[in-house]
Amino acid sequence: MKLQPTPSQVEGPYFLANSPVATTLDLTAAGGKGDKFELSGQVVGTDGVIISGATVHVWLADAAGAYDNQDAKGNPIALPPARHRLRGRIVTGADGKYNFKAVRPGNYALSPSGNDFRPGHIHIKLVAAGYRTLVTQLYFQDDDYNDQDLEGDGFFKPELVIHATPVVPDGKTVQKGVFNFVLEK
């Protein structure tokens, strides 16, 4: 049985290749006040084979919808690794698993009018020897802006939704979700 590869999405302007590498990635302090979540999962090939040694790049906005490497107008800026707050890399072990914690990213306006917003999302870039690099975004099932995201393949797709518990954050419980990535050779 061949597994469907995880859909790709746009990388966006805020990716930084030299983010810190950690075995335990905890971005909760950097995200400010907001609902905490934890995401875990496994990286496998379309043939179901576990992929060890995959690098999982993670970057996201803070609870207010701002990235750590953007200026007041939303333009990307150079940011030395010592100032990276909302990003990091995890390398999967022999079991192909990854895990990280963060504050749920907020929505941000798509235009100066402030009438249209991107849903909160997590950027992911997966790099593994012998496999195509995957750039994608993950979304939250309860975000009101999922259906109002930009049009096109690079934006909201239902198959990229994290099914978390609790479904809606309650401000007290850490929302936990699982998302497994499938890479193509």
Protein backbone atom coordinates (compact mmCIF):
# COMPACT_ATOMS: atom_id res chain seq x y z
CA MET A 1 0.00 0.00 0.00
CA LYS A 2 1.38 3.39 -1.01
CA LEU A 3 0.73 6.30 1.35
CA GLN A 4 -0.25 9.70 0.00
CA PRO A 5 2.57 12.24 0.39
CA THR A 6 1.90 15.22 2.65
CA PRO A 7 0.79 18.18 0.49
CA SER A 8 3.31 20.97 -0.02
CA GLN A 9 2.58 24.62 0.66
CA VAL A 10 4.34 27.95 0.21
CA GLU A 11 7.43 28.55 2.33
CA GLY A 12 6.67 32.23 2.93
CA PRO A 13 9.25 34.94 3.57
CA TYR A 14 10.19 34.12 7.18
CA PHE A 15 12.15 30.86 6.87
CA LEU A 16 15.69 30.89 8.31
CA ALA A 17 17.84 27.84 7.55
CA ASN A 18 20.17 28.26 10.54
CA SER A 19 17.65 27.99 13.38
CA PRO A 20 18.80 26.20 16.56
CA VAL A 21 18.85 22.40 16.61
CA ALA A 22 17.30 20.76 19.67
CA THR A 23 16.26 17.28 20.71
CA THR A 24 13.49 18.84 22.79
CA LEU A 25 12.06 21.95 21.13
CA ASP A 26 10.08 24.18 23.50
CA LEU A 27 9.05 27.55 22.05
CA THR A 28 6.40 28.35 24.68
CA ALA A 29 8.36 31.10 26.47
CA ALA A 30 9.07 32.89 23.18
CA GLY A 31 5.43 32.89 22.04
CA GLY A 32 4.16 35.21 24.74
CA LYS A 33 0.82 34.81 26.41
CA GLY A 34 -1.58 32.50 24.66
CA ASP A 35 -2.80 28.94 24.40
CA LYS A 36 -0.07 26.32 24.57
CA PHE A 37 0.03 23.32 22.29
CA GLU A 38 2.22 20.30 21.77
CA LEU A 39 2.63 18.56 18.45
CA SER A 40 4.17 15.19 17.86
CA GLY A 41 4.25 12.63 15.11
CA GLN A 42 6.38 10.51 12.86
CA VAL A 43 8.09 10.96 9.50
CA VAL A 44 7.70 8.10 7.01
CA GLY A 45 8.09 7.49 3.28
CA THR A 46 5.23 6.78 0.90
CA ASP A 47 6.12 3.10 1.33
CA GLY A 48 5.55 3.39 5.10
CA VAL A 49 9.26 3.08 5.96
CA ILE A 50 10.26 5.11 9.02
CA ILE A 51 12.65 7.96 8.19
CA SER A 52 15.31 8.48 10.83
CA GLY A 53 17.65 11.46 10.66
CA ALA A 54 15.05 13.74 9.02
CA THR A 55 15.45 17.41 9.91
CA VAL A 56 12.13 19.02 10.86
CA HIS A 57 12.35 22.84 10.62
CA VAL A 58 9.59 24.57 12.60
CA TRP A 59 8.75 28.29 12.51
CA LEU A 60 5.61 30.16 13.48
CA ALA A 61 4.18 33.50 14.49
CA ASP A 62 3.59 34.45 18.11
CA ALA A 63 0.12 34.62 19.68
CA ALA A 64 -0.35 38.11 18.20
CA GLY A 65 0.46 36.88 14.67
CA ALA A 66 4.00 38.35 14.42
CA TYR A 67 7.12 36.42 13.37
CA ASP A 68 10.39 36.90 15.24
CA ASN A 69 12.12 38.08 12.04
CA GLN A 70 9.70 40.70 10.75
CA ASP A 71 9.76 44.47 11.08
CA ALA A 72 6.77 46.65 12.05
CA LYS A 73 5.53 46.62 8.43
CA GLY A 74 5.72 42.80 8.21
CA ASN A 75 8.85 42.68 6.06
CA PRO A 76 11.38 39.92 6.77
CA ILE A 77 14.60 41.07 8.43
CA ALA A 78 17.99 39.45 9.00
CA LEU A 79 18.04 37.81 12.40
CA PRO A 80 21.17 36.26 13.92
CA PRO A 81 20.69 32.79 15.43
CA ALA A 82 21.10 34.16 18.96
CA ARG A 83 17.85 36.12 18.45
CA HIS A 84 15.74 33.26 17.03
CA ARG A 85 12.72 32.82 19.29
CA LEU A 86 9.91 31.20 17.33
CA ARG A 87 11.78 28.57 15.36
CA GLY A 88 14.00 25.57 15.65
CA ARG A 89 15.01 22.23 14.14
CA ILE A 90 14.43 18.72 15.39
CA VAL A 91 16.19 15.65 13.98
CA THR A 92 14.13 12.46 14.07
CA GLY A 93 15.60 9.45 15.84
CA ALA A 94 15.54 5.79 14.82
CA ASP A 95 11.76 5.78 15.39
CA GLY A 96 11.22 8.72 12.98
CA LYS A 97 9.44 10.70 15.69
CA TYR A 98 9.44 14.44 16.41
CA ASN A 99 7.86 16.56 19.16
CA PHE A 100 7.70 20.26 19.99
CA LYS A 101 5.82 22.71 22.20
CA ALA A 102 4.79 26.28 21.42
CA VAL A 103 2.15 28.92 21.97
CA ARG A 104 -0.53 28.72 19.33
CA PRO A 105 0.26 31.17 16.52
CA GLY A 106 -2.19 34.01 16.07
CA ASN A 107 -3.98 35.19 12.95
CA TYR A 108 -2.54 38.12 11.02
CA ALA A 109 -4.05 40.57 8.55
CA LEU A 110 -3.48 40.01 4.84
CA SER A 111 -4.15 43.62 3.88
CA PRO A 112 -3.91 47.08 5.45
CA SER A 113 -7.70 47.17 5.80
CA GLY A 114 -7.48 44.41 8.40
CA ASN A 115 -10.62 42.74 7.10
CA ASP A 116 -9.04 39.49 5.95
CA PHE A 117 -6.74 37.25 7.95
CA ARG A 118 -4.57 34.18 7.56
CA PRO A 119 -5.56 31.34 9.85
CA GLY A 120 -3.05 30.48 12.56
CA HIS A 121 -0.54 28.04 11.08
CA ILE A 122 2.77 26.33 11.70
CA HIS A 123 5.41 26.27 8.99
CA ILE A 124 7.28 23.00 8.52
CA LYS A 125 10.19 22.13 6.25
CA LEU A 126 11.35 18.51 6.20
CA VAL A 127 14.72 17.49 4.80
CA ALA A 128 15.79 13.82 4.64
CA ALA A 129 18.49 12.11 2.61
CA GLY A 130 17.02 10.31 -0.41
CA TYR A 131 13.65 12.13 -0.20
CA ARG A 132 12.17 15.26 -1.72
CA THR A 133 12.26 18.25 0.59
CA LEU A 134 8.77 19.04 1.87
CA VAL A 135 7.63 22.57 2.74
CA THR A 136 4.15 22.75 4.21
CA GLN A 137 1.93 24.43 6.79
CA LEU A 138 -0.30 22.93 9.47
CA TYR A 139 -3.59 24.42 10.62
CA PHE A 140 -5.87 24.19 13.68
CA GLN A 141 -9.31 22.65 13.28
CA ASP A 142 -11.12 25.35 15.25
CA ASP A 143 -9.65 28.43 13.49
CA ASP A 144 -12.43 30.65 12.16
CA TYR A 145 -10.24 31.85 9.27
CA ASN A 146 -9.47 28.44 7.73
CA ASP A 147 -12.20 28.85 5.12
CA GLN A 148 -11.20 32.46 4.42
CA ASP A 149 -7.50 31.86 3.72
CA LEU A 150 -5.88 32.89 0.45
CA GLU A 151 -6.88 30.83 -2.57
CA GLY A 152 -4.56 28.32 -4.19
CA ASP A 153 -2.67 25.16 -3.38
CA GLY A 154 -0.17 27.01 -1.19
CA PHE A 155 -2.74 27.80 1.46
CA PHE A 156 -5.34 26.14 3.71
CA LYS A 157 -6.04 22.49 2.92
CA PRO A 158 -8.25 20.33 5.17
CA GLU A 159 -5.73 17.46 4.98
CA LEU A 160 -3.20 19.68 6.79
CA VAL A 161 -5.39 20.24 9.85
CA ILE A 162 -4.06 19.17 13.23
CA HIS A 163 -6.76 17.26 15.10
CA ALA A 164 -6.02 18.31 18.65
CA THR A 165 -7.38 17.58 22.10
CA PRO A 166 -9.10 19.56 23.39
CA VAL A 167 -10.51 20.67 20.03
CA VAL A 168 -10.90 24.26 21.25
CA PRO A 169 -8.25 25.57 23.66
CA ASP A 170 -9.58 26.28 27.13
CA GLY A 171 -6.70 28.42 28.42
CA LYS A 172 -5.74 25.84 31.07
CA THR A 173 -5.02 22.58 29.26
CA VAL A 174 -2.15 22.15 26.83
CA GLN A 175 -3.73 21.36 23.48
CA LYS A 176 -2.09 18.23 22.05
CA GLY A 177 -2.09 17.03 18.49
CA VAL A 178 -0.47 14.41 16.30
CA PHE A 179 0.54 14.86 12.67
CA ASN A 180 2.48 12.30 10.67
CA PHE A 181 4.42 13.45 7.62
CA VAL A 182 4.80 11.32 4.47
CA LEU A 183 7.74 12.09 2.18
CA GLU A 184 8.33 11.14 -1.46
CA LYS A 185 11.60 9.73 -2.79
